[in-house]
Amino acid sequence: MIVSEAAPDLRGSVRPGRFATIFSYMPISAELLEILICPACRAKVELKPDGSGLRCVSCHRLYPVRDDIPVMLIDEATIDE
């Protein structure tokens, strides 16, 4: 994703002629991930590497993430093998 040709780097200084890219985008904050649990078995959930869902470490249900909002409904979950 190109922001601009003179995009600020992480420290806020301008680097003219460079392109800014976002290397890692995490739609769900780490603080939210710490408190979310699987509604079916109450185990911890982990964000999939592609950010498309939350996977339960115990029952392997996969809860979708839509518009950066986790849908923690058992009926919306699929079983991830």
N, C-alpha and C. Protein backbone atom coordinates (compact mmCIF):
# COMPACT_ATOMS: atom_id res chain seq x y z
N MET A 1 0.85 -1.17 0.00
CA MET A 1 0.00 0.00 0.00
C MET A 1 0.89 1.23 0.00
N ILE A 2 0.75 2.07 -0.95
CA ILE A 2 1.55 3.28 -1.07
C ILE A 2 0.79 4.43 -0.43
N VAL A 3 1.41 5.07 0.56
CA VAL A 3 0.79 6.19 1.24
C VAL A 3 1.11 7.48 0.51
N SER A 4 2.38 7.76 0.32
CA SER A 4 2.83 8.92 -0.44
C SER A 4 4.31 8.76 -0.73
N GLU A 5 4.83 9.64 -1.58
CA GLU A 5 6.26 9.55 -1.88
C GLU A 5 7.10 10.09 -0.75
N ALA A 6 6.58 11.00 0.05
CA ALA A 6 7.31 11.56 1.19
C ALA A 6 6.60 11.16 2.47
N ALA A 7 6.56 9.88 2.72
CA ALA A 7 5.84 9.36 3.89
C ALA A 7 6.74 9.41 5.12
N PRO A 8 6.16 9.69 6.27
CA PRO A 8 6.95 9.67 7.50
C PRO A 8 7.33 8.26 7.89
N ASP A 9 8.54 8.09 8.42
CA ASP A 9 8.89 6.76 8.90
C ASP A 9 8.36 6.59 10.32
N LEU A 10 8.74 5.53 10.99
CA LEU A 10 8.18 5.24 12.31
C LEU A 10 8.54 6.27 13.37
N ARG A 11 9.63 7.02 13.16
CA ARG A 11 10.03 8.03 14.12
C ARG A 11 9.45 9.40 13.80
N GLY A 12 8.73 9.53 12.69
CA GLY A 12 8.09 10.78 12.36
C GLY A 12 8.88 11.69 11.44
N SER A 13 10.12 11.34 11.11
CA SER A 13 10.88 12.18 10.19
C SER A 13 10.49 11.82 8.76
N VAL A 14 10.64 12.76 7.85
CA VAL A 14 10.23 12.55 6.46
C VAL A 14 11.41 12.00 5.68
N ARG A 15 11.12 10.96 4.89
CA ARG A 15 12.13 10.38 4.03
C ARG A 15 11.67 10.59 2.58
N PRO A 16 12.07 11.69 1.95
CA PRO A 16 11.60 11.98 0.60
C PRO A 16 12.04 10.91 -0.39
N GLY A 17 11.16 10.65 -1.37
CA GLY A 17 11.49 9.69 -2.41
C GLY A 17 11.29 8.25 -2.01
N ARG A 18 10.88 7.99 -0.82
CA ARG A 18 10.66 6.62 -0.35
C ARG A 18 9.17 6.33 -0.32
N PHE A 19 8.83 5.07 -0.40
CA PHE A 19 7.44 4.66 -0.32
C PHE A 19 7.19 4.04 1.04
N ALA A 20 6.06 4.39 1.62
CA ALA A 20 5.70 3.84 2.92
C ALA A 20 4.86 2.59 2.70
N THR A 21 5.19 1.57 3.39
CA THR A 21 4.40 0.34 3.34
C THR A 21 4.06 -0.07 4.75
N ILE A 22 3.00 -0.81 4.86
CA ILE A 22 2.60 -1.35 6.16
C ILE A 22 3.01 -2.81 6.15
N PHE A 23 3.95 -3.17 7.00
CA PHE A 23 4.48 -4.52 7.00
C PHE A 23 3.61 -5.48 7.79
N SER A 24 3.02 -5.05 8.86
CA SER A 24 2.14 -5.93 9.61
C SER A 24 0.93 -5.14 10.07
N TYR A 25 -0.21 -5.67 9.73
CA TYR A 25 -1.46 -5.02 10.10
C TYR A 25 -2.23 -5.97 10.98
N MET A 26 -2.52 -5.57 12.18
CA MET A 26 -3.23 -6.42 13.11
C MET A 26 -4.58 -5.79 13.40
N PRO A 27 -5.65 -6.34 12.83
CA PRO A 27 -6.96 -5.73 12.98
C PRO A 27 -7.50 -5.80 14.41
N ILE A 28 -7.01 -6.73 15.20
CA ILE A 28 -7.48 -6.88 16.57
C ILE A 28 -6.32 -6.60 17.50
N SER A 29 -6.53 -5.74 18.47
CA SER A 29 -5.46 -5.35 19.38
C SER A 29 -5.04 -6.51 20.27
N ALA A 30 -3.80 -6.45 20.71
CA ALA A 30 -3.27 -7.49 21.60
C ALA A 30 -4.05 -7.53 22.92
N GLU A 31 -4.50 -6.37 23.38
CA GLU A 31 -5.26 -6.32 24.63
C GLU A 31 -6.59 -7.07 24.49
N LEU A 32 -7.25 -6.91 23.34
CA LEU A 32 -8.51 -7.61 23.11
C LEU A 32 -8.27 -9.11 22.99
N LEU A 33 -7.20 -9.51 22.30
CA LEU A 33 -6.90 -10.94 22.16
C LEU A 33 -6.64 -11.60 23.51
N GLU A 34 -6.10 -10.85 24.45
CA GLU A 34 -5.83 -11.40 25.79
C GLU A 34 -7.11 -11.77 26.53
N ILE A 35 -8.20 -11.04 26.29
CA ILE A 35 -9.42 -11.29 27.05
C ILE A 35 -10.45 -12.12 26.31
N LEU A 36 -10.29 -12.29 24.99
CA LEU A 36 -11.24 -13.08 24.23
C LEU A 36 -11.04 -14.57 24.50
N ILE A 37 -12.14 -15.29 24.63
CA ILE A 37 -12.10 -16.74 24.79
C ILE A 37 -13.15 -17.36 23.87
N CYS A 38 -12.99 -18.62 23.61
CA CYS A 38 -13.94 -19.36 22.80
C CYS A 38 -15.25 -19.49 23.58
N PRO A 39 -16.37 -19.08 23.00
CA PRO A 39 -17.64 -19.19 23.73
C PRO A 39 -18.11 -20.63 23.89
N ALA A 40 -17.58 -21.56 23.11
CA ALA A 40 -18.00 -22.96 23.22
C ALA A 40 -17.28 -23.70 24.34
N CYS A 41 -15.96 -23.53 24.44
CA CYS A 41 -15.20 -24.31 25.43
C CYS A 41 -14.41 -23.46 26.41
N ARG A 42 -14.44 -22.14 26.25
CA ARG A 42 -13.77 -21.19 27.15
C ARG A 42 -12.25 -21.23 27.08
N ALA A 43 -11.70 -21.75 25.99
CA ALA A 43 -10.24 -21.78 25.82
C ALA A 43 -9.77 -20.51 25.11
N LYS A 44 -8.47 -20.34 25.06
CA LYS A 44 -7.85 -19.19 24.41
C LYS A 44 -8.06 -19.25 22.90
N VAL A 45 -8.21 -18.09 22.27
CA VAL A 45 -8.28 -18.01 20.81
C VAL A 45 -7.06 -17.25 20.30
N GLU A 46 -6.60 -17.63 19.10
CA GLU A 46 -5.45 -16.99 18.48
C GLU A 46 -5.84 -16.48 17.11
N LEU A 47 -5.27 -15.35 16.74
CA LEU A 47 -5.53 -14.76 15.44
C LEU A 47 -4.82 -15.57 14.35
N LYS A 48 -5.54 -15.89 13.28
CA LYS A 48 -4.92 -16.57 12.14
C LYS A 48 -3.89 -15.64 11.52
N PRO A 49 -2.84 -16.18 10.93
CA PRO A 49 -1.78 -15.34 10.35
C PRO A 49 -2.29 -14.35 9.31
N ASP A 50 -3.34 -14.72 8.57
CA ASP A 50 -3.85 -13.80 7.55
C ASP A 50 -4.88 -12.82 8.12
N GLY A 51 -5.21 -12.93 9.41
CA GLY A 51 -6.13 -12.00 10.06
C GLY A 51 -7.59 -12.22 9.75
N SER A 52 -7.91 -13.33 9.09
CA SER A 52 -9.29 -13.57 8.66
C SER A 52 -10.17 -14.19 9.74
N GLY A 53 -9.58 -14.63 10.84
CA GLY A 53 -10.38 -15.27 11.87
C GLY A 53 -9.61 -15.53 13.14
N LEU A 54 -10.34 -15.96 14.15
CA LEU A 54 -9.76 -16.35 15.43
C LEU A 54 -9.97 -17.85 15.61
N ARG A 55 -8.91 -18.56 15.92
CA ARG A 55 -8.95 -20.01 16.05
C ARG A 55 -8.81 -20.41 17.50
N CYS A 56 -9.72 -21.27 17.96
CA CYS A 56 -9.67 -21.79 19.33
C CYS A 56 -8.56 -22.83 19.41
N VAL A 57 -7.72 -22.73 20.43
CA VAL A 57 -6.61 -23.67 20.58
C VAL A 57 -7.07 -25.04 21.08
N SER A 58 -8.27 -25.12 21.63
CA SER A 58 -8.75 -26.38 22.18
C SER A 58 -9.70 -27.12 21.24
N CYS A 59 -10.82 -26.50 20.87
CA CYS A 59 -11.83 -27.17 20.05
C CYS A 59 -11.68 -26.89 18.56
N HIS A 60 -10.73 -26.03 18.20
CA HIS A 60 -10.37 -25.72 16.81
C HIS A 60 -11.50 -25.04 16.02
N ARG A 61 -12.41 -24.39 16.72
CA ARG A 61 -13.41 -23.60 16.01
C ARG A 61 -12.74 -22.35 15.47
N LEU A 62 -13.19 -21.93 14.30
CA LEU A 62 -12.66 -20.75 13.65
C LEU A 62 -13.76 -19.71 13.58
N TYR A 63 -13.56 -18.61 14.31
CA TYR A 63 -14.52 -17.52 14.36
C TYR A 63 -14.09 -16.45 13.37
N PRO A 64 -14.98 -16.02 12.48
CA PRO A 64 -14.59 -15.04 11.45
C PRO A 64 -14.36 -13.64 12.02
N VAL A 65 -13.57 -12.87 11.31
CA VAL A 65 -13.37 -11.45 11.62
C VAL A 65 -13.93 -10.69 10.42
N ARG A 66 -14.94 -9.88 10.67
CA ARG A 66 -15.58 -9.09 9.60
C ARG A 66 -15.47 -7.61 9.93
N ASP A 67 -14.92 -6.85 9.01
CA ASP A 67 -14.73 -5.40 9.22
C ASP A 67 -13.96 -5.13 10.50
N ASP A 68 -12.93 -5.93 10.73
CA ASP A 68 -12.05 -5.82 11.91
C ASP A 68 -12.77 -6.10 13.23
N ILE A 69 -13.92 -6.78 13.18
CA ILE A 69 -14.68 -7.12 14.39
C ILE A 69 -14.80 -8.63 14.47
N PRO A 70 -14.33 -9.25 15.56
CA PRO A 70 -14.47 -10.70 15.68
C PRO A 70 -15.93 -11.08 15.94
N VAL A 71 -16.41 -12.06 15.18
CA VAL A 71 -17.78 -12.56 15.33
C VAL A 71 -17.69 -13.81 16.20
N MET A 72 -17.90 -13.63 17.50
CA MET A 72 -17.72 -14.71 18.46
C MET A 72 -19.03 -15.45 18.74
N LEU A 73 -19.70 -15.87 17.68
CA LEU A 73 -20.94 -16.63 17.79
C LEU A 73 -20.68 -18.07 17.38
N ILE A 74 -21.10 -19.01 18.21
CA ILE A 74 -20.86 -20.42 17.93
C ILE A 74 -21.49 -20.81 16.59
N ASP A 75 -22.65 -20.28 16.27
CA ASP A 75 -23.32 -20.61 15.01
C ASP A 75 -22.56 -20.09 13.79
N GLU A 76 -21.74 -19.08 13.96
CA GLU A 76 -20.96 -18.52 12.85
C GLU A 76 -19.61 -19.20 12.68
N ALA A 77 -19.20 -20.00 13.64
CA ALA A 77 -17.89 -20.63 13.63
C ALA A 77 -17.90 -21.88 12.74
N THR A 78 -16.73 -22.16 12.20
CA THR A 78 -16.52 -23.41 11.48
C THR A 78 -15.44 -24.20 12.21
N ILE A 79 -15.39 -25.49 11.99
CA ILE A 79 -14.35 -26.33 12.62
C ILE A 79 -13.14 -26.35 11.69
N ASP A 80 -12.00 -25.94 12.22
CA ASP A 80 -10.75 -25.88 11.47
C ASP A 80 -9.97 -27.16 11.74
N GLU A 81 -9.59 -27.85 10.71
CA GLU A 81 -8.83 -29.12 10.85
C GLU A 81 -7.36 -28.87 10.97
